[in-house]
Amino acid sequence: MTTDLANPVTVSARAAKRIAAILNSEPTPVMLRLAVTGGGCSGFQYNFALDDARLDDDLVIERDGATVLIDPVSLDFLKGSEIDFVDDLIGASFKVINPNATSSCGCGTSFAV
């Protein structure tokens, strides 16, 4: 996967559909924020949260009714990534396909660089 400078992080159609459904079910307008924080079993972890505030330096990704916010520090870890949504026998979850991660844990929520 190559990094698109105009869109350093992409959202799959499946993820956009699920994000839009979540956002539309909220009583007030919100967006999905993806952040990378220290912790987890591999050193860093992905945090998904609903946020009603867009900061001036956020990367804003909009697709099919979904809005995703990423702060500049997290973006350094996420460049070239795709946010996807997986619904299989073991459950449904968002998955970050991150080419910068050198390893990740079995649950897919933490990674190392």
PDB file of N, CA and C in Angstrom:
ATOM      1  N   MET A   1       0.847  -1.169   0.000  1.00  0.00           N
ATOM      2  CA  MET A   1       0.000   0.000   0.000  1.00  0.00           C
ATOM      3  C   MET A   1       0.895   1.235   0.000  1.00  0.00           C
ATOM      4  N   THR A   2       0.635   2.160  -0.897  1.00  0.00           N
ATOM      5  CA  THR A   2       1.407   3.393  -0.942  1.00  0.00           C
ATOM      6  C   THR A   2       0.624   4.503  -0.256  1.00  0.00           C
ATOM      7  N   THR A   3       1.358   5.461   0.272  1.00  0.00           N
ATOM      8  CA  THR A   3       0.717   6.570   0.966  1.00  0.00           C
ATOM      9  C   THR A   3       0.300   7.626  -0.040  1.00  0.00           C
ATOM     10  N   ASP A   4      -0.950   7.991  -0.025  1.00  0.00           N
ATOM     11  CA  ASP A   4      -1.500   9.066  -0.835  1.00  0.00           C
ATOM     12  C   ASP A   4      -1.377  10.333   0.002  1.00  0.00           C
ATOM     13  N   LEU A   5      -0.604  11.313  -0.466  1.00  0.00           N
ATOM     14  CA  LEU A   5      -0.377  12.514   0.331  1.00  0.00           C
ATOM     15  C   LEU A   5      -1.660  13.289   0.595  1.00  0.00           C
ATOM     16  N   ALA A   6      -2.611  13.238  -0.330  1.00  0.00           N
ATOM     17  CA  ALA A   6      -3.879  13.925  -0.118  1.00  0.00           C
ATOM     18  C   ALA A   6      -4.753  13.164   0.880  1.00  0.00           C
ATOM     19  N   ASN A   7      -4.616  11.852   0.915  1.00  0.00           N
ATOM     20  CA  ASN A   7      -5.394  10.993   1.819  1.00  0.00           C
ATOM     21  C   ASN A   7      -4.449  10.007   2.501  1.00  0.00           C
ATOM     22  N   PRO A   8      -3.704  10.461   3.524  1.00  0.00           N
ATOM     23  CA  PRO A   8      -2.720   9.572   4.149  1.00  0.00           C
ATOM     24  C   PRO A   8      -3.323   8.387   4.884  1.00  0.00           C
ATOM     25  N   VAL A   9      -4.619   8.448   5.214  1.00  0.00           N
ATOM     26  CA  VAL A   9      -5.344   7.336   5.824  1.00  0.00           C
ATOM     27  C   VAL A   9      -6.653   7.205   5.065  1.00  0.00           C
ATOM     28  N   THR A  10      -7.039   5.971   4.747  1.00  0.00           N
ATOM     29  CA  THR A  10      -8.282   5.759   4.011  1.00  0.00           C
ATOM     30  C   THR A  10      -9.278   4.982   4.876  1.00  0.00           C
ATOM     31  N   VAL A  11     -10.535   5.072   4.483  1.00  0.00           N
ATOM     32  CA  VAL A  11     -11.618   4.356   5.151  1.00  0.00           C
ATOM     33  C   VAL A  11     -12.281   3.475   4.115  1.00  0.00           C
ATOM     34  N   SER A  12     -12.380   2.179   4.375  1.00  0.00           N
ATOM     35  CA  SER A  12     -13.014   1.266   3.429  1.00  0.00           C
ATOM     36  C   SER A  12     -14.518   1.554   3.369  1.00  0.00           C
ATOM     37  N   ALA A  13     -15.157   1.072   2.318  1.00  0.00           N
ATOM     38  CA  ALA A  13     -16.601   1.245   2.169  1.00  0.00           C
ATOM     39  C   ALA A  13     -17.349   0.576   3.324  1.00  0.00           C
ATOM     40  N   ARG A  14     -16.898  -0.616   3.748  1.00  0.00           N
ATOM     41  CA  ARG A  14     -17.543  -1.317   4.878  1.00  0.00           C
ATOM     42  C   ARG A  14     -17.436  -0.502   6.157  1.00  0.00           C
ATOM     43  N   ALA A  15     -16.246   0.066   6.409  1.00  0.00           N
ATOM     44  CA  ALA A  15     -16.056   0.865   7.625  1.00  0.00           C
ATOM     45  C   ALA A  15     -16.893   2.135   7.562  1.00  0.00           C
ATOM     46  N   ALA A  16     -16.920   2.788   6.407  1.00  0.00           N
ATOM     47  CA  ALA A  16     -17.705   4.017   6.276  1.00  0.00           C
ATOM     48  C   ALA A  16     -19.178   3.749   6.553  1.00  0.00           C
ATOM     49  N   LYS A  17     -19.698   2.646   6.043  1.00  0.00           N
ATOM     50  CA  LYS A  17     -21.108   2.302   6.262  1.00  0.00           C
ATOM     51  C   LYS A  17     -21.390   2.103   7.748  1.00  0.00           C
ATOM     52  N   ARG A  18     -20.516   1.386   8.437  1.00  0.00           N
ATOM     53  CA  ARG A  18     -20.714   1.118   9.870  1.00  0.00           C
ATOM     54  C   ARG A  18     -20.539   2.398  10.693  1.00  0.00           C
ATOM     55  N   ILE A  19     -19.527   3.203  10.373  1.00  0.00           N
ATOM     56  CA  ILE A  19     -19.297   4.461  11.088  1.00  0.00           C
ATOM     57  C   ILE A  19     -20.507   5.376  10.919  1.00  0.00           C
ATOM     58  N   ALA A  20     -21.006   5.507   9.687  1.00  0.00           N
ATOM     59  CA  ALA A  20     -22.168   6.364   9.433  1.00  0.00           C
ATOM     60  C   ALA A  20     -23.373   5.896  10.244  1.00  0.00           C
ATOM     61  N   ALA A  21     -23.571   4.594  10.342  1.00  0.00           N
ATOM     62  CA  ALA A  21     -24.697   4.054  11.128  1.00  0.00           C
ATOM     63  C   ALA A  21     -24.549   4.417  12.606  1.00  0.00           C
ATOM     64  N   ILE A  22     -23.338   4.302  13.126  1.00  0.00           N
ATOM     65  CA  ILE A  22     -23.086   4.642  14.531  1.00  0.00           C
ATOM     66  C   ILE A  22     -23.317   6.143  14.758  1.00  0.00           C
ATOM     67  N   LEU A  23     -22.748   6.966  13.891  1.00  0.00           N
ATOM     68  CA  LEU A  23     -22.866   8.417  14.059  1.00  0.00           C
ATOM     69  C   LEU A  23     -24.317   8.873  13.948  1.00  0.00           C
ATOM     70  N   ASN A  24     -25.051   8.284  13.016  1.00  0.00           N
ATOM     71  CA  ASN A  24     -26.442   8.673  12.814  1.00  0.00           C
ATOM     72  C   ASN A  24     -27.356   8.233  13.956  1.00  0.00           C
ATOM     73  N   SER A  25     -26.912   7.265  14.757  1.00  0.00           N
ATOM     74  CA  SER A  25     -27.735   6.796  15.879  1.00  0.00           C
ATOM     75  C   SER A  25     -27.554   7.662  17.129  1.00  0.00           C
ATOM     76  N   GLU A  26     -26.610   8.573  17.095  1.00  0.00           N
ATOM     77  CA  GLU A  26     -26.355   9.434  18.253  1.00  0.00           C
ATOM     78  C   GLU A  26     -27.343  10.599  18.274  1.00  0.00           C
ATOM     79  N   PRO A  27     -27.744  11.043  19.476  1.00  0.00           N
ATOM     80  CA  PRO A  27     -28.728  12.128  19.569  1.00  0.00           C
ATOM     81  C   PRO A  27     -28.187  13.500  19.150  1.00  0.00           C
ATOM     82  N   THR A  28     -26.875  13.689  19.230  1.00  0.00           N
ATOM     83  CA  THR A  28     -26.264  14.946  18.807  1.00  0.00           C
ATOM     84  C   THR A  28     -25.195  14.647  17.761  1.00  0.00           C
ATOM     85  N   PRO A  29     -24.866  15.608  16.897  1.00  0.00           N
ATOM     86  CA  PRO A  29     -23.853  15.363  15.862  1.00  0.00           C
ATOM     87  C   PRO A  29     -22.478  15.044  16.471  1.00  0.00           C
ATOM     88  N   VAL A  30     -21.905  13.932  16.045  1.00  0.00           N
ATOM     89  CA  VAL A  30     -20.575  13.519  16.497  1.00  0.00           C
ATOM     90  C   VAL A  30     -19.797  12.962  15.316  1.00  0.00           C
ATOM     91  N   MET A  31     -18.494  12.793  15.541  1.00  0.00           N
ATOM     92  CA  MET A  31     -17.592  12.201  14.567  1.00  0.00           C
ATOM     93  C   MET A  31     -16.812  11.088  15.270  1.00  0.00           C
ATOM     94  N   LEU A  32     -16.219  10.200  14.503  1.00  0.00           N
ATOM     95  CA  LEU A  32     -15.393   9.142  15.084  1.00  0.00           C
ATOM     96  C   LEU A  32     -13.958   9.631  15.143  1.00  0.00           C
ATOM     97  N   ARG A  33     -13.347   9.543  16.312  1.00  0.00           N
ATOM     98  CA  ARG A  33     -11.948   9.924  16.456  1.00  0.00           C
ATOM     99  C   ARG A  33     -11.119   8.659  16.626  1.00  0.00           C
ATOM    100  N   LEU A  34     -10.078   8.539  15.800  1.00  0.00           N
ATOM    101  CA  LEU A  34      -9.105   7.454  15.928  1.00  0.00           C
ATOM    102  C   LEU A  34      -7.819   8.060  16.456  1.00  0.00           C
ATOM    103  N   ALA A  35      -7.330   7.532  17.568  1.00  0.00           N
ATOM    104  CA  ALA A  35      -6.089   8.018  18.171  1.00  0.00           C
ATOM    105  C   ALA A  35      -5.175   6.838  18.476  1.00  0.00           C
ATOM    106  N   VAL A  36      -3.886   7.105  18.468  1.00  0.00           N
ATOM    107  CA  VAL A  36      -2.887   6.121  18.875  1.00  0.00           C
ATOM    108  C   VAL A  36      -2.336   6.581  20.217  1.00  0.00           C
ATOM    109  N   THR A  37      -2.370   5.683  21.196  1.00  0.00           N
ATOM    110  CA  THR A  37      -1.836   5.997  22.517  1.00  0.00           C
ATOM    111  C   THR A  37      -0.848   4.919  22.935  1.00  0.00           C
ATOM    112  N   GLY A  38      -0.010   5.245  23.903  1.00  0.00           N
ATOM    113  CA  GLY A  38       0.901   4.262  24.450  1.00  0.00           C
ATOM    114  C   GLY A  38       0.133   3.253  25.271  1.00  0.00           C
ATOM    115  N   GLY A  39       0.565   1.992  25.223  1.00  0.00           N
ATOM    116  CA  GLY A  39      -0.084   0.958  26.019  1.00  0.00           C
ATOM    117  C   GLY A  39      -0.403  -0.259  25.194  1.00  0.00           C
ATOM    118  N   GLY A  40      -1.244  -1.107  25.726  1.00  0.00           N
ATOM    119  CA  GLY A  40      -1.564  -2.354  25.041  1.00  0.00           C
ATOM    120  C   GLY A  40      -0.427  -3.341  25.187  1.00  0.00           C
ATOM    121  N   CYS A  41      -0.629  -4.526  24.693  1.00  0.00           N
ATOM    122  CA  CYS A  41       0.385  -5.563  24.875  1.00  0.00           C
ATOM    123  C   CYS A  41       1.547  -5.436  23.901  1.00  0.00           C
ATOM    124  N   SER A  42       1.444  -4.554  22.902  1.00  0.00           N
ATOM    125  CA  SER A  42       2.522  -4.419  21.924  1.00  0.00           C
ATOM    126  C   SER A  42       3.201  -3.052  21.951  1.00  0.00           C
ATOM    127  N   GLY A  43       2.804  -2.148  22.832  1.00  0.00           N
ATOM    128  CA  GLY A  43       3.469  -0.852  22.947  1.00  0.00           C
ATOM    129  C   GLY A  43       2.582   0.341  22.610  1.00  0.00           C
ATOM    130  N   PHE A  44       1.759   0.222  21.567  1.00  0.00           N
ATOM    131  CA  PHE A  44       0.826   1.270  21.184  1.00  0.00           C
ATOM    132  C   PHE A  44      -0.542   0.634  20.981  1.00  0.00           C
ATOM    133  N   GLN A  45      -1.593   1.433  21.134  1.00  0.00           N
ATOM    134  CA  GLN A  45      -2.924   0.883  20.893  1.00  0.00           C
ATOM    135  C   GLN A  45      -3.789   1.901  20.171  1.00  0.00           C
ATOM    136  N   TYR A  46      -4.763   1.370  19.431  1.00  0.00           N
ATOM    137  CA  TYR A  46      -5.733   2.191  18.722  1.00  0.00           C
ATOM    138  C   TYR A  46      -6.893   2.477  19.654  1.00  0.00           C
ATOM    139  N   ASN A  47      -7.322   3.724  19.696  1.00  0.00           N
ATOM    140  CA  ASN A  47      -8.485   4.113  20.490  1.00  0.00           C
ATOM    141  C   ASN A  47      -9.518   4.747  19.574  1.00  0.00           C
ATOM    142  N   PHE A  48     -10.718   4.204  19.592  1.00  0.00           N
ATOM    143  CA  PHE A  48     -11.840   4.750  18.833  1.00  0.00           C
ATOM    144  C   PHE A  48     -12.790   5.394  19.828  1.00  0.00           C
ATOM    145  N   ALA A  49     -13.195   6.634  19.550  1.00  0.00           N
ATOM    146  CA  ALA A  49     -14.123   7.331  20.439  1.00  0.00           C
ATOM    147  C   ALA A  49     -14.993   8.277  19.619  1.00  0.00           C
ATOM    148  N   LEU A  50     -16.171   8.577  20.133  1.00  0.00           N
ATOM    149  CA  LEU A  50     -17.034   9.568  19.505  1.00  0.00           C
ATOM    150  C   LEU A  50     -16.639  10.936  20.040  1.00  0.00           C
ATOM    151  N   ASP A  51     -16.588  11.924  19.152  1.00  0.00           N
ATOM    152  CA  ASP A  51     -16.143  13.263  19.525  1.00  0.00           C
ATOM    153  C   ASP A  51     -17.020  14.287  18.824  1.00  0.00           C
ATOM    154  N   ASP A  52     -17.398  15.324  19.548  1.00  0.00           N
ATOM    155  CA  ASP A  52     -18.211  16.371  18.934  1.00  0.00           C
ATOM    156  C   ASP A  52     -17.390  17.596  18.549  1.00  0.00           C
ATOM    157  N   ALA A  53     -16.068  17.538  18.752  1.00  0.00           N
ATOM    158  CA  ALA A  53     -15.208  18.690  18.472  1.00  0.00           C
ATOM    159  C   ALA A  53     -14.122  18.336  17.461  1.00  0.00           C
ATOM    160  N   ARG A  54     -14.076  19.100  16.408  1.00  0.00           N
ATOM    161  CA  ARG A  54     -13.027  18.974  15.393  1.00  0.00           C
ATOM    162  C   ARG A  54     -11.979  20.025  15.695  1.00  0.00           C
ATOM    163  N   LEU A  55     -10.726  19.613  15.886  1.00  0.00           N
ATOM    164  CA  LEU A  55      -9.638  20.545  16.161  1.00  0.00           C
ATOM    165  C   LEU A  55      -9.036  21.044  14.847  1.00  0.00           C
ATOM    166  N   ASP A  56      -8.440  22.212  14.888  1.00  0.00           N
ATOM    167  CA  ASP A  56      -7.907  22.837  13.672  1.00  0.00           C
ATOM    168  C   ASP A  56      -6.853  21.981  12.973  1.00  0.00           C
ATOM    169  N   ASP A  57      -6.068  21.226  13.744  1.00  0.00           N
ATOM    170  CA  ASP A  57      -4.991  20.443  13.132  1.00  0.00           C
ATOM    171  C   ASP A  57      -5.355  18.976  12.901  1.00  0.00           C
ATOM    172  N   ASP A  58      -6.615  18.607  13.095  1.00  0.00           N
ATOM    173  CA  ASP A  58      -7.063  17.232  12.824  1.00  0.00           C
ATOM    174  C   ASP A  58      -7.070  16.945  11.330  1.00  0.00           C
ATOM    175  N   LEU A  59      -6.711  15.727  10.975  1.00  0.00           N
ATOM    176  CA  LEU A  59      -6.994  15.218   9.638  1.00  0.00           C
ATOM    177  C   LEU A  59      -8.459  14.812   9.665  1.00  0.00           C
ATOM    178  N   VAL A  60      -9.222  15.266   8.682  1.00  0.00           N
ATOM    179  CA  VAL A  60     -10.637  14.936   8.596  1.00  0.00           C
ATOM    180  C   VAL A  60     -10.839  14.071   7.356  1.00  0.00           C
ATOM    181  N   ILE A  61     -11.366  12.869   7.566  1.00  0.00           N
ATOM    182  CA  ILE A  61     -11.650  11.948   6.468  1.00  0.00           C
ATOM    183  C   ILE A  61     -13.164  11.809   6.385  1.00  0.00           C
ATOM    184  N   GLU A  62     -13.710  12.079   5.218  1.00  0.00           N
ATOM    185  CA  GLU A  62     -15.158  11.951   5.032  1.00  0.00           C
ATOM    186  C   GLU A  62     -15.423  10.991   3.887  1.00  0.00           C
ATOM    187  N   ARG A  63     -16.316  10.039   4.158  1.00  0.00           N
ATOM    188  CA  ARG A  63     -16.704   9.076   3.123  1.00  0.00           C
ATOM    189  C   ARG A  63     -18.099   8.547   3.423  1.00  0.00           C
ATOM    190  N   ASP A  64     -18.984   8.650   2.465  1.00  0.00           N
ATOM    191  CA  ASP A  64     -20.310   8.032   2.534  1.00  0.00           C
ATOM    192  C   ASP A  64     -21.050   8.310   3.848  1.00  0.00           C
ATOM    193  N   GLY A  65     -21.015   9.556   4.320  1.00  0.00           N
ATOM    194  CA  GLY A  65     -21.723   9.917   5.541  1.00  0.00           C
ATOM    195  C   GLY A  65     -20.943   9.687   6.816  1.00  0.00           C
ATOM    196  N   ALA A  66     -19.726   9.191   6.705  1.00  0.00           N
ATOM    197  CA  ALA A  66     -18.870   8.955   7.870  1.00  0.00           C
ATOM    198  C   ALA A  66     -17.805  10.040   7.947  1.00  0.00           C
ATOM    199  N   THR A  67     -17.539  10.521   9.162  1.00  0.00           N
ATOM    200  CA  THR A  67     -16.466  11.483   9.384  1.00  0.00           C
ATOM    201  C   THR A  67     -15.538  10.915  10.447  1.00  0.00           C
ATOM    202  N   VAL A  68     -14.239  10.831  10.096  1.00  0.00           N
ATOM    203  CA  VAL A  68     -13.221  10.317  11.005  1.00  0.00           C
ATOM    204  C   VAL A  68     -12.198  11.419  11.242  1.00  0.00           C
ATOM    205  N   LEU A  69     -11.829  11.620  12.497  1.00  0.00           N
ATOM    206  CA  LEU A  69     -10.835  12.610  12.889  1.00  0.00           C
ATOM    207  C   LEU A  69      -9.581  11.904  13.383  1.00  0.00           C
ATOM    208  N   ILE A  70      -8.416  12.429  12.992  1.00  0.00           N
ATOM    209  CA  ILE A  70      -7.141  11.889  13.477  1.00  0.00           C
ATOM    210  C   ILE A  70      -6.239  13.066  13.821  1.00  0.00           C
ATOM    211  N   ASP A  71      -5.702  13.071  15.039  1.00  0.00           N
ATOM    212  CA  ASP A  71      -4.802  14.146  15.464  1.00  0.00           C
ATOM    213  C   ASP A  71      -3.432  13.966  14.814  1.00  0.00           C
ATOM    214  N   PRO A  72      -2.612  15.041  14.738  1.00  0.00           N
ATOM    215  CA  PRO A  72      -1.324  14.969  14.030  1.00  0.00           C
ATOM    216  C   PRO A  72      -0.328  13.972  14.623  1.00  0.00           C
ATOM    217  N   VAL A  73      -0.311  13.812  15.936  1.00  0.00           N
ATOM    218  CA  VAL A  73       0.626  12.860  16.555  1.00  0.00           C
ATOM    219  C   VAL A  73       0.246  11.435  16.157  1.00  0.00           C
ATOM    220  N   SER A  74      -1.040  11.121  16.223  1.00  0.00           N
ATOM    221  CA  SER A  74      -1.502   9.787  15.829  1.00  0.00           C
ATOM    222  C   SER A  74      -1.277   9.549  14.347  1.00  0.00           C
ATOM    223  N   LEU A  75      -1.443  10.595  13.545  1.00  0.00           N
ATOM    224  CA  LEU A  75      -1.269  10.460  12.097  1.00  0.00           C
ATOM    225  C   LEU A  75       0.132   9.981  11.738  1.00  0.00           C
ATOM    226  N   ASP A  76       1.136  10.393  12.506  1.00  0.00           N
ATOM    227  CA  ASP A  76       2.501   9.926  12.249  1.00  0.00           C
ATOM    228  C   ASP A  76       2.597   8.405  12.298  1.00  0.00           C
ATOM    229  N   PHE A  77       1.808   7.761  13.160  1.00  0.00           N
ATOM    230  CA  PHE A  77       1.806   6.309  13.286  1.00  0.00           C
ATOM    231  C   PHE A  77       0.882   5.636  12.273  1.00  0.00           C
ATOM    232  N   LEU A  78      -0.040   6.409  11.683  1.00  0.00           N
ATOM    233  CA  LEU A  78      -1.093   5.831  10.850  1.00  0.00           C
ATOM    234  C   LEU A  78      -0.948   6.081   9.355  1.00  0.00           C
ATOM    235  N   LYS A  79       0.048   6.845   8.931  1.00  0.00           N
ATOM    236  CA  LYS A  79       0.188   7.162   7.503  1.00  0.00           C
ATOM    237  C   LYS A  79       0.236   5.891   6.670  1.00  0.00           C
ATOM    238  N   GLY A  80      -0.596   5.871   5.629  1.00  0.00           N
ATOM    239  CA  GLY A  80      -0.666   4.714   4.749  1.00  0.00           C
ATOM    240  C   GLY A  80      -1.647   3.650   5.204  1.00  0.00           C
ATOM    241  N   SER A  81      -2.322   3.879   6.322  1.00  0.00           N
ATOM    242  CA  SER A  81      -3.234   2.881   6.885  1.00  0.00           C
ATOM    243  C   SER A  81      -4.619   2.950   6.253  1.00  0.00           C
ATOM    244  N   GLU A  82      -5.353   1.855   6.421  1.00  0.00           N
ATOM    245  CA  GLU A  82      -6.756   1.806   6.039  1.00  0.00           C
ATOM    246  C   GLU A  82      -7.561   1.370   7.249  1.00  0.00           C
ATOM    247  N   ILE A  83      -8.668   2.065   7.489  1.00  0.00           N
ATOM    248  CA  ILE A  83      -9.610   1.674   8.532  1.00  0.00           C
ATOM    249  C   ILE A  83     -10.662   0.804   7.863  1.00  0.00           C
ATOM    250  N   ASP A  84     -10.821  -0.411   8.365  1.00  0.00           N
ATOM    251  CA  ASP A  84     -11.772  -1.350   7.782  1.00  0.00           C
ATOM    252  C   ASP A  84     -12.721  -1.826   8.881  1.00  0.00           C
ATOM    253  N   PHE A  85     -13.792  -2.484   8.482  1.00  0.00           N
ATOM    254  CA  PHE A  85     -14.736  -3.077   9.426  1.00  0.00           C
ATOM    255  C   PHE A  85     -14.893  -4.536   9.060  1.00  0.00           C
ATOM    256  N   VAL A  86     -14.691  -5.399  10.044  1.00  0.00           N
ATOM    257  CA  VAL A  86     -14.744  -6.843   9.828  1.00  0.00           C
ATOM    258  C   VAL A  86     -15.896  -7.416  10.640  1.00  0.00           C
ATOM    259  N   ASP A  87     -16.721  -8.241   9.997  1.00  0.00           N
ATOM    260  CA  ASP A  87     -17.837  -8.900  10.670  1.00  0.00           C
ATOM    261  C   ASP A  87     -17.757 -10.378  10.308  1.00  0.00           C
ATOM    262  N   ASP A  88     -17.200 -11.180  11.231  1.00  0.00           N
ATOM    263  CA  ASP A  88     -17.037 -12.604  10.957  1.00  0.00           C
ATOM    264  C   ASP A  88     -17.522 -13.441  12.136  1.00  0.00           C
ATOM    265  N   LEU A  89     -17.231 -14.704  12.135  1.00  0.00           N
ATOM    266  CA  LEU A  89     -17.738 -15.617  13.163  1.00  0.00           C
ATOM    267  C   LEU A  89     -17.313 -15.255  14.584  1.00  0.00           C
ATOM    268  N   ILE A  90     -16.136 -14.639  14.731  1.00  0.00           N
ATOM    269  CA  ILE A  90     -15.667 -14.328  16.081  1.00  0.00           C
ATOM    270  C   ILE A  90     -16.098 -12.942  16.544  1.00  0.00           C
ATOM    271  N   GLY A  91     -16.791 -12.201  15.701  1.00  0.00           N
ATOM    272  CA  GLY A  91     -17.307 -10.899  16.120  1.00  0.00           C
ATOM    273  C   GLY A  91     -17.101  -9.830  15.069  1.00  0.00           C
ATOM    274  N   ALA A  92     -17.638  -8.663  15.367  1.00  0.00           N
ATOM    275  CA  ALA A  92     -17.541  -7.516  14.475  1.00  0.00           C
ATOM    276  C   ALA A  92     -16.676  -6.451  15.141  1.00  0.00           C
ATOM    277  N   SER A  93     -15.776  -5.842  14.346  1.00  0.00           N
ATOM    278  CA  SER A  93     -14.902  -4.808  14.913  1.00  0.00           C
ATOM    279  C   SER A  93     -14.258  -3.996  13.802  1.00  0.00           C
ATOM    280  N   PHE A  94     -13.797  -2.816  14.195  1.00  0.00           N
ATOM    281  CA  PHE A  94     -12.989  -2.026  13.283  1.00  0.00           C
ATOM    282  C   PHE A  94     -11.575  -2.582  13.310  1.00  0.00           C
ATOM    283  N   LYS A  95     -10.931  -2.553  12.160  1.00  0.00           N
ATOM    284  CA  LYS A  95      -9.570  -3.056  12.039  1.00  0.00           C
ATOM    285  C   LYS A  95      -8.742  -2.011  11.322  1.00  0.00           C
ATOM    286  N   VAL A  96      -7.567  -1.697  11.859  1.00  0.00           N
ATOM    287  CA  VAL A  96      -6.660  -0.768  11.211  1.00  0.00           C
ATOM    288  C   VAL A  96      -5.582  -1.587  10.518  1.00  0.00           C
ATOM    289  N   ILE A  97      -5.519  -1.470   9.209  1.00  0.00           N
ATOM    290  CA  ILE A  97      -4.486  -2.143   8.426  1.00  0.00           C
ATOM    291  C   ILE A  97      -3.349  -1.140   8.301  1.00  0.00           C
ATOM    292  N   ASN A  98      -2.316  -1.340   9.108  1.00  0.00           N
ATOM    293  CA  ASN A  98      -1.264  -0.347   9.277  1.00  0.00           C
ATOM    294  C   ASN A  98       0.076  -0.872   8.766  1.00  0.00           C
ATOM    295  N   PRO A  99       0.569  -0.317   7.643  1.00  0.00           N
ATOM    296  CA  PRO A  99       1.848  -0.784   7.107  1.00  0.00           C
ATOM    297  C   PRO A  99       3.046  -0.382   7.962  1.00  0.00           C
ATOM    298  N   ASN A 100       2.858   0.523   8.921  1.00  0.00           N
ATOM    299  CA  ASN A 100       3.944   0.962   9.802  1.00  0.00           C
ATOM    300  C   ASN A 100       4.154   0.025  10.983  1.00  0.00           C
ATOM    301  N   ALA A 101       3.183  -0.822  11.273  1.00  0.00           N
ATOM    302  CA  ALA A 101       3.274  -1.723  12.422  1.00  0.00           C
ATOM    303  C   ALA A 101       4.208  -2.879  12.097  1.00  0.00           C
ATOM    304  N   THR A 102       5.175  -3.097  12.962  1.00  0.00           N
ATOM    305  CA  THR A 102       6.106  -4.214  12.765  1.00  0.00           C
ATOM    306  C   THR A 102       5.575  -5.489  13.398  1.00  0.00           C
ATOM    307  N   SER A 103       4.663  -5.344  14.364  1.00  0.00           N
ATOM    308  CA  SER A 103       3.999  -6.490  14.972  1.00  0.00           C
ATOM    309  C   SER A 103       2.711  -5.997  15.607  1.00  0.00           C
ATOM    310  N   SER A 104       1.814  -6.933  15.882  1.00  0.00           N
ATOM    311  CA  SER A 104       0.567  -6.569  16.551  1.00  0.00           C
ATOM    312  C   SER A 104       0.139  -7.725  17.437  1.00  0.00           C
ATOM    313  N   CYS A 105      -0.777  -7.439  18.336  1.00  0.00           N
ATOM    314  CA  CYS A 105      -1.251  -8.477  19.245  1.00  0.00           C
ATOM    315  C   CYS A 105      -2.363  -9.280  18.557  1.00  0.00           C
ATOM    316  N   GLY A 106      -2.750 -10.352  19.168  1.00  0.00           N
ATOM    317  CA  GLY A 106      -3.786 -11.216  18.599  1.00  0.00           C
ATOM    318  C   GLY A 106      -5.132 -10.551  18.488  1.00  0.00           C
ATOM    319  N   CYS A 107      -5.443  -9.614  19.387  1.00  0.00           N
ATOM    320  CA  CYS A 107      -6.765  -8.971  19.344  1.00  0.00           C
ATOM    321  C   CYS A 107      -6.816  -7.857  18.299  1.00  0.00           C
ATOM    322  N   GLY A 108      -5.660  -7.405  17.808  1.00  0.00           N
ATOM    323  CA  GLY A 108      -5.645  -6.401  16.746  1.00  0.00           C
ATOM    324  C   GLY A 108      -5.798  -4.971  17.215  1.00  0.00           C
ATOM    325  N   THR A 109      -5.790  -4.739  18.523  1.00  0.00           N
ATOM    326  CA  THR A 109      -5.960  -3.361  18.995  1.00  0.00           C
ATOM    327  C   THR A 109      -4.659  -2.712  19.434  1.00  0.00           C
ATOM    328  N   SER A 110      -3.577  -3.483  19.505  1.00  0.00           N
ATOM    329  CA  SER A 110      -2.286  -2.872  19.848  1.00  0.00           C
ATOM    330  C   SER A 110      -1.235  -3.327  18.839  1.00  0.00           C
ATOM    331  N   PHE A 111      -0.173  -2.504  18.743  1.00  0.00           N
ATOM    332  CA  PHE A 111       0.856  -2.768  17.742  1.00  0.00           C
ATOM    333  C   PHE A 111       2.182  -2.172  18.183  1.00  0.00           C
ATOM    334  N   ALA A 112       3.243  -2.550  17.490  1.00  0.00           N
ATOM    335  CA  ALA A 112       4.580  -2.008  17.714  1.00  0.00           C
ATOM    336  C   ALA A 112       5.097  -1.440  16.403  1.00  0.00           C
ATOM    337  N   VAL A 113       5.971  -0.444  16.499  1.00  0.00           N
ATOM    338  CA  VAL A 113       6.605   0.133  15.310  1.00  0.00           C
ATOM    339  C   VAL A 113       8.091  -0.006  15.405  1.00  0.00           C
TER     340      VAL A 113
END
